[in-house]
């Protein structure tokens, strides 16, 4: 082992995925500092990977229990966009099966934009079915954001081609005859809800980036319609756009007379 360079050692360690791998024991006898640092780095990586796998399996808990009860089609539902001053609320329903293996799928808010983008495409490819519903600012202003979200969630489920026998919903109960489990922070507890949160957020983010081209000056591409300083500055300078929510303060204050 002494004849191997540090780079060669690191390359070998990059393939190790088990803390009981004999290579780790052999390399521990190598006194070089670079080797020991590489070993410690590999051990941290393996422990992180094992923790991620355990967390992934835990997020399958509700789905597994339902599948074992004979509920073959379980849909996870989540929403994004309840808080912004502009743009729609978007809901997504995702149906997965037990072959789904994207370990990185978790609450969309814990992921970077790059991670979400990659996972979004993989979820679309691997899910049994994905459906999305959009309720614009007019619907939000008419019914209020809570009711608009419930309408969107119900429609998302109703329009699925594979009608689920059970639902797992993040926080907001759905008006549906289908039995459902409502979870607080469901996107952290259910893999189906987590997948739905990623799909809904990616879809809405892309939509707001398009709106940024149509209505420049509000920084929609970065704030996604939330009331940031740049967004409020845009409202003050340019007034209200057709996608702003009049039922959200302080939007009405910026209407041009």
C-alpha atoms as a PDB file:
ATOM      1  CA  UNK A   1       0.000   0.000   0.000  1.00  0.00           C
ATOM      2  CA  UNK A   2       2.934   2.346   0.696  1.00  0.00           C
ATOM      3  CA  UNK A   3       3.788   2.315  -2.983  1.00  0.00           C
ATOM      4  CA  UNK A   4       0.441   3.794  -3.935  1.00  0.00           C
ATOM      5  CA  UNK A   5       0.135   7.525  -4.307  1.00  0.00           C
ATOM      6  CA  UNK A   6      -2.390   9.467  -2.213  1.00  0.00           C
ATOM      7  CA  UNK A   7      -4.440  10.009  -5.367  1.00  0.00           C
ATOM      8  CA  UNK A   8      -4.528   6.255  -6.045  1.00  0.00           C
ATOM      9  CA  UNK A   9      -5.641   5.634  -2.459  1.00  0.00           C
ATOM     10  CA  UNK A  10      -8.415   8.229  -2.791  1.00  0.00           C
ATOM     11  CA  UNK A  11      -9.553   6.636  -6.045  1.00  0.00           C
ATOM     12  CA  UNK A  12      -9.794   3.212  -4.389  1.00  0.00           C
ATOM     13  CA  UNK A  13     -11.604   4.638  -1.371  1.00  0.00           C
ATOM     14  CA  UNK A  14     -14.179   6.322  -3.614  1.00  0.00           C
ATOM     15  CA  UNK A  15     -15.552   2.852  -4.465  1.00  0.00           C
ATOM     16  CA  UNK A  16     -15.953   1.776  -0.828  1.00  0.00           C
ATOM     17  CA  UNK A  17     -19.540   1.846   0.453  1.00  0.00           C
ATOM     18  CA  UNK A  18     -19.300  -0.314   3.592  1.00  0.00           C
ATOM     19  CA  UNK A  19     -17.620   0.609   6.879  1.00  0.00           C
ATOM     20  CA  UNK A  20     -16.559  -3.053   7.225  1.00  0.00           C
ATOM     21  CA  UNK A  21     -14.733  -3.076   3.899  1.00  0.00           C
ATOM     22  CA  UNK A  22     -11.279  -4.737   4.409  1.00  0.00           C
ATOM     23  CA  UNK A  23      -9.605  -1.920   2.486  1.00  0.00           C
ATOM     24  CA  UNK A  24     -10.315   0.521   5.321  1.00  0.00           C
ATOM     25  CA  UNK A  25      -8.583  -1.763   7.819  1.00  0.00           C
ATOM     26  CA  UNK A  26      -5.577  -2.230   5.559  1.00  0.00           C
ATOM     27  CA  UNK A  27      -5.180   1.485   4.889  1.00  0.00           C
ATOM     28  CA  UNK A  28      -5.387   2.388   8.575  1.00  0.00           C
ATOM     29  CA  UNK A  29      -1.914   0.860   8.909  1.00  0.00           C
ATOM     30  CA  UNK A  30      -0.542   3.419   6.443  1.00  0.00           C
ATOM     31  CA  UNK A  31       1.094   6.187   8.526  1.00  0.00           C
ATOM     32  CA  UNK A  32       0.882   8.896   5.873  1.00  0.00           C
ATOM     33  CA  UNK A  33      -1.256  11.839   6.918  1.00  0.00           C
ATOM     34  CA  UNK A  34      -2.822  12.127   3.463  1.00  0.00           C
ATOM     35  CA  UNK A  35      -4.004   8.514   3.617  1.00  0.00           C
ATOM     36  CA  UNK A  36      -5.512   8.950   7.076  1.00  0.00           C
ATOM     37  CA  UNK A  37      -7.321  12.103   5.971  1.00  0.00           C
ATOM     38  CA  UNK A  38      -8.656  10.210   2.949  1.00  0.00           C
ATOM     39  CA  UNK A  39      -9.872   7.391   5.201  1.00  0.00           C
ATOM     40  CA  UNK A  40     -11.683   9.813   7.518  1.00  0.00           C
ATOM     41  CA  UNK A  41     -13.276  11.528   4.531  1.00  0.00           C
ATOM     42  CA  UNK A  42     -14.444   8.169   3.143  1.00  0.00           C
ATOM     43  CA  UNK A  43     -15.900   7.152   6.522  1.00  0.00           C
ATOM     44  CA  UNK A  44     -17.861  10.426   6.750  1.00  0.00           C
ATOM     45  CA  UNK A  45     -19.148   9.918   3.198  1.00  0.00           C
ATOM     46  CA  UNK A  46     -20.253   6.347   3.933  1.00  0.00           C
ATOM     47  CA  UNK A  47     -22.014   7.396   7.150  1.00  0.00           C
ATOM     48  CA  UNK A  48     -23.841  10.196   5.313  1.00  0.00           C
ATOM     49  CA  UNK A  49     -24.882   7.755   2.612  1.00  0.00           C
ATOM     50  CA  UNK A  50     -26.161   5.240   5.161  1.00  0.00           C
ATOM     51  CA  UNK A  51     -28.085   7.977   6.982  1.00  0.00           C
ATOM     52  CA  UNK A  52     -29.637   9.111   3.686  1.00  0.00           C
ATOM     53  CA  UNK A  53     -30.709   5.541   2.885  1.00  0.00           C
ATOM     54  CA  UNK A  54     -32.316   5.132   6.322  1.00  0.00           C
ATOM     55  CA  UNK A  55     -34.120   8.466   5.962  1.00  0.00           C
ATOM     56  CA  UNK A  56     -35.310   7.459   2.485  1.00  0.00           C
ATOM     57  CA  UNK A  57     -36.724   4.182   3.823  1.00  0.00           C
ATOM     58  CA  UNK A  58     -38.421   6.080   6.652  1.00  0.00           C
ATOM     59  CA  UNK A  59     -40.107   8.384   4.101  1.00  0.00           C
ATOM     60  CA  UNK A  60     -41.593   5.252   2.509  1.00  0.00           C
ATOM     61  CA  UNK A  61     -43.261   4.253   5.793  1.00  0.00           C
ATOM     62  CA  UNK A  62     -46.795   5.421   4.997  1.00  0.00           C
ATOM     63  CA  UNK A  63     -46.712   4.136   1.424  1.00  0.00           C
ATOM     64  CA  UNK A  64     -45.434   0.724   2.530  1.00  0.00           C
ATOM     65  CA  UNK A  65     -48.131   0.392   5.183  1.00  0.00           C
ATOM     66  CA  UNK A  66     -50.846   1.231   2.648  1.00  0.00           C
ATOM     67  CA  UNK A  67     -49.431  -1.115   0.012  1.00  0.00           C
ATOM     68  CA  UNK A  68     -49.354  -3.931   2.565  1.00  0.00           C
ATOM     69  CA  UNK A  69     -53.062  -3.265   3.203  1.00  0.00           C
ATOM     70  CA  UNK A  70     -53.767  -3.786  -0.503  1.00  0.00           C
ATOM     71  CA  UNK A  71     -53.877  -0.101  -1.506  1.00  0.00           C
ATOM     72  CA  UNK A  72     -51.914  -0.459  -4.748  1.00  0.00           C
ATOM     73  CA  UNK A  73     -52.255   3.132  -5.983  1.00  0.00           C
ATOM     74  CA  UNK A  74     -51.280   5.733  -3.394  1.00  0.00           C
ATOM     75  CA  UNK A  75     -50.998   9.384  -4.422  1.00  0.00           C
ATOM     76  CA  UNK A  76     -48.975  12.025  -2.609  1.00  0.00           C
ATOM     77  CA  UNK A  77     -50.251  15.593  -2.958  1.00  0.00           C
ATOM     78  CA  UNK A  78     -48.547  18.882  -2.167  1.00  0.00           C
ATOM     79  CA  UNK A  79     -48.773  22.553  -3.084  1.00  0.00           C
ATOM     80  CA  UNK A  80     -46.493  25.505  -3.590  1.00  0.00           C
ATOM     81  CA  UNK A  81     -47.199  29.218  -3.833  1.00  0.00           C
ATOM     82  CA  UNK A  82     -49.579  29.981  -0.987  1.00  0.00           C
ATOM     83  CA  UNK A  83     -47.555  32.918   0.316  1.00  0.00           C
ATOM     84  CA  UNK A  84     -46.469  35.011  -2.701  1.00  0.00           C
ATOM     85  CA  UNK A  85     -47.992  38.349  -3.678  1.00  0.00           C
ATOM     86  CA  UNK A  86     -48.083  37.330  -7.345  1.00  0.00           C
ATOM     87  CA  UNK A  87     -48.576  34.255  -9.476  1.00  0.00           C
ATOM     88  CA  UNK A  88     -50.647  31.111  -9.035  1.00  0.00           C
ATOM     89  CA  UNK A  89     -50.825  28.390  -6.449  1.00  0.00           C
ATOM     90  CA  UNK A  90     -49.676  25.095  -7.971  1.00  0.00           C
ATOM     91  CA  UNK A  91     -50.514  21.605  -6.747  1.00  0.00           C
ATOM     92  CA  UNK A  92     -49.109  18.250  -7.822  1.00  0.00           C
ATOM     93  CA  UNK A  93     -50.159  14.643  -7.310  1.00  0.00           C
ATOM     94  CA  UNK A  94     -47.592  11.866  -7.702  1.00  0.00           C
ATOM     95  CA  UNK A  95     -48.181   8.115  -7.700  1.00  0.00           C
ATOM     96  CA  UNK A  96     -45.108   5.948  -7.075  1.00  0.00           C
ATOM     97  CA  UNK A  97     -44.484   2.221  -6.750  1.00  0.00           C
ATOM     98  CA  UNK A  98     -42.047   0.282  -4.581  1.00  0.00           C
ATOM     99  CA  UNK A  99     -39.346   0.322  -7.264  1.00  0.00           C
ATOM    100  CA  UNK A 100     -38.856   4.076  -6.841  1.00  0.00           C
ATOM    101  CA  UNK A 101     -35.260   4.578  -5.725  1.00  0.00           C
ATOM    102  CA  UNK A 102     -34.408   8.289  -5.898  1.00  0.00           C
ATOM    103  CA  UNK A 103     -32.843   8.563  -2.442  1.00  0.00           C
ATOM    104  CA  UNK A 104     -32.343  12.332  -2.748  1.00  0.00           C
ATOM    105  CA  UNK A 105     -36.094  13.007  -2.946  1.00  0.00           C
ATOM    106  CA  UNK A 106     -37.112  14.977   0.134  1.00  0.00           C
ATOM    107  CA  UNK A 107     -38.819  18.261   1.036  1.00  0.00           C
ATOM    108  CA  UNK A 108     -38.219  20.566  -1.955  1.00  0.00           C
ATOM    109  CA  UNK A 109     -37.262  23.433   0.383  1.00  0.00           C
ATOM    110  CA  UNK A 110     -34.201  21.446   1.524  1.00  0.00           C
ATOM    111  CA  UNK A 111     -32.861  21.064  -2.011  1.00  0.00           C
ATOM    112  CA  UNK A 112     -30.900  23.428  -4.222  1.00  0.00           C
ATOM    113  CA  UNK A 113     -32.422  24.602  -7.502  1.00  0.00           C
ATOM    114  CA  UNK A 114     -30.007  22.355  -9.413  1.00  0.00           C
ATOM    115  CA  UNK A 115     -30.920  19.315  -7.308  1.00  0.00           C
ATOM    116  CA  UNK A 116     -34.649  19.971  -7.734  1.00  0.00           C
ATOM    117  CA  UNK A 117     -34.282  20.330 -11.498  1.00  0.00           C
ATOM    118  CA  UNK A 118     -32.563  16.952 -11.846  1.00  0.00           C
ATOM    119  CA  UNK A 119     -34.984  15.203  -9.499  1.00  0.00           C
ATOM    120  CA  UNK A 120     -38.013  16.769 -11.207  1.00  0.00           C
ATOM    121  CA  UNK A 121     -37.069  15.176 -14.523  1.00  0.00           C
ATOM    122  CA  UNK A 122     -36.355  11.805 -12.897  1.00  0.00           C
ATOM    123  CA  UNK A 123     -39.643  11.833 -10.967  1.00  0.00           C
ATOM    124  CA  UNK A 124     -41.568  12.515 -14.191  1.00  0.00           C
ATOM    125  CA  UNK A 125     -39.801   9.558 -15.794  1.00  0.00           C
ATOM    126  CA  UNK A 126     -40.112   7.077 -12.920  1.00  0.00           C
ATOM    127  CA  UNK A 127     -43.517   7.816 -11.384  1.00  0.00           C
ATOM    128  CA  UNK A 128     -46.581   5.810 -12.365  1.00  0.00           C
ATOM    129  CA  UNK A 129     -48.295   9.143 -12.924  1.00  0.00           C
ATOM    130  CA  UNK A 130     -47.834  12.849 -12.226  1.00  0.00           C
ATOM    131  CA  UNK A 131     -50.543  15.484 -12.483  1.00  0.00           C
ATOM    132  CA  UNK A 132     -50.394  19.235 -11.934  1.00  0.00           C
ATOM    133  CA  UNK A 133     -53.088  21.846 -11.332  1.00  0.00           C
ATOM    134  CA  UNK A 134     -52.723  25.636 -11.431  1.00  0.00           C
ATOM    135  CA  UNK A 135     -55.108  28.160  -9.850  1.00  0.00           C
ATOM    136  CA  UNK A 136     -54.293  31.712 -10.855  1.00  0.00           C
ATOM    137  CA  UNK A 137     -54.548  34.939  -8.897  1.00  0.00           C
ATOM    138  CA  UNK A 138     -58.148  35.516 -10.031  1.00  0.00           C
ATOM    139  CA  UNK A 139     -59.252  32.271  -8.376  1.00  0.00           C
ATOM    140  CA  UNK A 140     -57.189  33.081  -5.288  1.00  0.00           C
ATOM    141  CA  UNK A 141     -58.780  36.533  -4.990  1.00  0.00           C
ATOM    142  CA  UNK A 142     -62.258  35.091  -5.501  1.00  0.00           C
ATOM    143  CA  UNK A 143     -62.132  32.230  -2.998  1.00  0.00           C
ATOM    144  CA  UNK A 144     -59.084  33.065  -0.752  1.00  0.00           C
ATOM    145  CA  UNK A 145     -55.782  31.220  -0.866  1.00  0.00           C
ATOM    146  CA  UNK A 146     -56.823  28.343   1.394  1.00  0.00           C
ATOM    147  CA  UNK A 147     -59.922  27.480  -0.625  1.00  0.00           C
ATOM    148  CA  UNK A 148     -58.078  27.980  -3.923  1.00  0.00           C
ATOM    149  CA  UNK A 149     -55.443  25.513  -2.721  1.00  0.00           C
ATOM    150  CA  UNK A 150     -58.099  22.963  -1.743  1.00  0.00           C
ATOM    151  CA  UNK A 151     -59.784  23.366  -5.133  1.00  0.00           C
ATOM    152  CA  UNK A 152     -56.479  22.829  -6.915  1.00  0.00           C
ATOM    153  CA  UNK A 153     -55.626  19.764  -4.840  1.00  0.00           C
ATOM    154  CA  UNK A 154     -59.043  18.184  -5.436  1.00  0.00           C
ATOM    155  CA  UNK A 155     -58.799  18.830  -9.171  1.00  0.00           C
ATOM    156  CA  UNK A 156     -55.271  17.428  -9.291  1.00  0.00           C
ATOM    157  CA  UNK A 157     -56.528  14.153  -7.848  1.00  0.00           C
ATOM    158  CA  UNK A 158     -59.766  14.033  -9.869  1.00  0.00           C
ATOM    159  CA  UNK A 159     -57.876  14.382 -13.164  1.00  0.00           C
ATOM    160  CA  UNK A 160     -55.453  11.514 -12.526  1.00  0.00           C
ATOM    161  CA  UNK A 161     -55.834   8.734 -15.118  1.00  0.00           C
ATOM    162  CA  UNK A 162     -54.869   6.169 -12.473  1.00  0.00           C
ATOM    163  CA  UNK A 163     -57.417   6.830  -9.741  1.00  0.00           C
ATOM    164  CA  UNK A 164     -55.714   6.243  -6.381  1.00  0.00           C
ATOM    165  CA  UNK A 165     -57.282   4.193  -3.632  1.00  0.00           C
ATOM    166  CA  UNK A 166     -55.616   6.302  -0.934  1.00  0.00           C
ATOM    167  CA  UNK A 167     -54.130   9.793  -0.631  1.00  0.00           C
ATOM    168  CA  UNK A 168     -51.300  11.220   1.446  1.00  0.00           C
ATOM    169  CA  UNK A 169     -51.700  14.983   1.720  1.00  0.00           C
ATOM    170  CA  UNK A 170     -49.431  17.687   3.063  1.00  0.00           C
ATOM    171  CA  UNK A 171     -51.321  19.676   5.734  1.00  0.00           C
ATOM    172  CA  UNK A 172     -54.445  20.713   3.756  1.00  0.00           C
ATOM    173  CA  UNK A 173     -57.353  18.178   3.771  1.00  0.00           C
ATOM    174  CA  UNK A 174     -58.795  17.500   0.311  1.00  0.00           C
ATOM    175  CA  UNK A 175     -62.499  17.484  -0.538  1.00  0.00           C
ATOM    176  CA  UNK A 176     -62.529  13.926  -1.897  1.00  0.00           C
ATOM    177  CA  UNK A 177     -64.275  10.640  -1.245  1.00  0.00           C
ATOM    178  CA  UNK A 178     -60.925   8.878  -1.441  1.00  0.00           C
ATOM    179  CA  UNK A 179     -59.529   7.985   2.012  1.00  0.00           C
ATOM    180  CA  UNK A 180     -56.625  10.210   2.967  1.00  0.00           C
ATOM    181  CA  UNK A 181     -53.858  10.695   5.472  1.00  0.00           C
ATOM    182  CA  UNK A 182     -53.122  14.339   6.254  1.00  0.00           C
ATOM    183  CA  UNK A 183     -49.611  14.978   7.514  1.00  0.00           C
ATOM    184  CA  UNK A 184     -48.046  18.113   8.965  1.00  0.00           C
ATOM    185  CA  UNK A 185     -44.750  18.588   7.101  1.00  0.00           C
ATOM    186  CA  UNK A 186     -45.789  15.705   4.913  1.00  0.00           C
ATOM    187  CA  UNK A 187     -43.034  16.472   2.412  1.00  0.00           C
ATOM    188  CA  UNK A 188     -40.541  15.407   5.092  1.00  0.00           C
ATOM    189  CA  UNK A 189     -42.452  12.253   6.096  1.00  0.00           C
ATOM    190  CA  UNK A 190     -43.789  10.768   2.853  1.00  0.00           C
ATOM    191  CA  UNK A 191     -41.790  10.044  -0.299  1.00  0.00           C
ATOM    192  CA  UNK A 192     -44.856  10.575  -2.508  1.00  0.00           C
ATOM    193  CA  UNK A 193     -45.586  13.976  -0.957  1.00  0.00           C
ATOM    194  CA  UNK A 194     -41.901  14.915  -1.203  1.00  0.00           C
ATOM    195  CA  UNK A 195     -41.942  14.033  -4.909  1.00  0.00           C
ATOM    196  CA  UNK A 196     -45.114  16.097  -5.363  1.00  0.00           C
ATOM    197  CA  UNK A 197     -43.497  19.063  -3.590  1.00  0.00           C
ATOM    198  CA  UNK A 198     -40.541  18.963  -5.997  1.00  0.00           C
ATOM    199  CA  UNK A 199     -42.789  18.719  -9.067  1.00  0.00           C
ATOM    200  CA  UNK A 200     -45.055  21.559  -7.919  1.00  0.00           C
ATOM    201  CA  UNK A 201     -42.153  23.848  -7.024  1.00  0.00           C
ATOM    202  CA  UNK A 202     -40.226  23.241 -10.242  1.00  0.00           C
ATOM    203  CA  UNK A 203     -43.336  23.817 -12.349  1.00  0.00           C
ATOM    204  CA  UNK A 204     -44.199  27.049 -10.534  1.00  0.00           C
ATOM    205  CA  UNK A 205     -40.603  28.324 -10.538  1.00  0.00           C
ATOM    206  CA  UNK A 206     -40.388  27.886 -14.312  1.00  0.00           C
ATOM    207  CA  UNK A 207     -43.742  29.635 -14.676  1.00  0.00           C
ATOM    208  CA  UNK A 208     -42.569  32.617 -12.610  1.00  0.00           C
ATOM    209  CA  UNK A 209     -39.354  32.805 -14.633  1.00  0.00           C
ATOM    210  CA  UNK A 210     -41.509  33.108 -17.749  1.00  0.00           C
ATOM    211  CA  UNK A 211     -43.599  35.813 -16.086  1.00  0.00           C
ATOM    212  CA  UNK A 212     -40.367  37.663 -15.357  1.00  0.00           C
ATOM    213  CA  UNK A 213     -39.865  37.998 -19.124  1.00  0.00           C
ATOM    214  CA  UNK A 214     -43.427  39.217 -19.609  1.00  0.00           C
ATOM    215  CA  UNK A 215     -43.418  41.594 -16.629  1.00  0.00           C
ATOM    216  CA  UNK A 216     -39.818  42.739 -16.088  1.00  0.00           C
ATOM    217  CA  UNK A 217     -38.914  44.928 -13.163  1.00  0.00           C
ATOM    218  CA  UNK A 218     -40.324  42.802 -10.323  1.00  0.00           C
ATOM    219  CA  UNK A 219     -37.534  40.207 -10.139  1.00  0.00           C
ATOM    220  CA  UNK A 220     -40.028  37.343 -10.454  1.00  0.00           C
ATOM    221  CA  UNK A 221     -37.287  35.015 -11.721  1.00  0.00           C
ATOM    222  CA  UNK A 222     -35.619  35.146  -8.317  1.00  0.00           C
ATOM    223  CA  UNK A 223     -38.343  35.931  -5.779  1.00  0.00           C
ATOM    224  CA  UNK A 224     -41.025  33.729  -7.399  1.00  0.00           C
ATOM    225  CA  UNK A 225     -43.639  36.337  -6.508  1.00  0.00           C
ATOM    226  CA  UNK A 226     -42.779  36.632  -2.826  1.00  0.00           C
ATOM    227  CA  UNK A 227     -42.680  40.094  -1.292  1.00  0.00           C
ATOM    228  CA  UNK A 228     -38.956  40.787  -1.421  1.00  0.00           C
ATOM    229  CA  UNK A 229     -37.438  44.270  -1.411  1.00  0.00           C
ATOM    230  CA  UNK A 230     -36.914  44.180  -5.194  1.00  0.00           C
ATOM    231  CA  UNK A 231     -40.487  43.008  -5.749  1.00  0.00           C
ATOM    232  CA  UNK A 232     -41.907  45.798  -3.585  1.00  0.00           C
ATOM    233  CA  UNK A 233     -39.657  48.305  -5.337  1.00  0.00           C
ATOM    234  CA  UNK A 234     -41.083  47.092  -8.656  1.00  0.00           C
ATOM    235  CA  UNK A 235     -44.625  47.527  -7.386  1.00  0.00           C
ATOM    236  CA  UNK A 236     -43.842  51.056  -6.252  1.00  0.00           C
ATOM    237  CA  UNK A 237     -42.222  52.008  -9.549  1.00  0.00           C
ATOM    238  CA  UNK A 238     -44.416  50.123 -12.025  1.00  0.00           C
ATOM    239  CA  UNK A 239     -47.685  49.338 -10.288  1.00  0.00           C
ATOM    240  CA  UNK A 240     -49.659  46.103 -10.202  1.00  0.00           C
ATOM    241  CA  UNK A 241     -49.466  43.446 -12.950  1.00  0.00           C
ATOM    242  CA  UNK A 242     -52.278  41.139 -14.131  1.00  0.00           C
ATOM    243  CA  UNK A 243     -50.775  38.287 -12.068  1.00  0.00           C
ATOM    244  CA  UNK A 244     -50.760  40.095  -8.697  1.00  0.00           C
ATOM    245  CA  UNK A 245     -53.112  39.036  -5.914  1.00  0.00           C
ATOM    246  CA  UNK A 246     -55.310  41.927  -4.791  1.00  0.00           C
ATOM    247  CA  UNK A 247     -56.373  39.947  -1.729  1.00  0.00           C
ATOM    248  CA  UNK A 248     -52.777  40.043  -0.482  1.00  0.00           C
ATOM    249  CA  UNK A 249     -51.488  43.120   1.326  1.00  0.00           C
ATOM    250  CA  UNK A 250     -49.876  45.451   0.320  1.00  0.00           C
ATOM    251  CA  UNK A 251     -50.727  44.832  -3.363  1.00  0.00           C
ATOM    252  CA  UNK A 252     -53.861  47.089  -3.484  1.00  0.00           C
ATOM    253  CA  UNK A 253     -51.766  50.008  -2.246  1.00  0.00           C
ATOM    254  CA  UNK A 254     -49.842  50.034  -5.523  1.00  0.00           C
ATOM    255  CA  UNK A 255     -52.764  50.048  -7.944  1.00  0.00           C
ATOM    256  CA  UNK A 256     -52.457  52.886 -10.426  1.00  0.00           C
ATOM    257  CA  UNK A 257     -55.574  55.087 -10.394  1.00  0.00           C
END
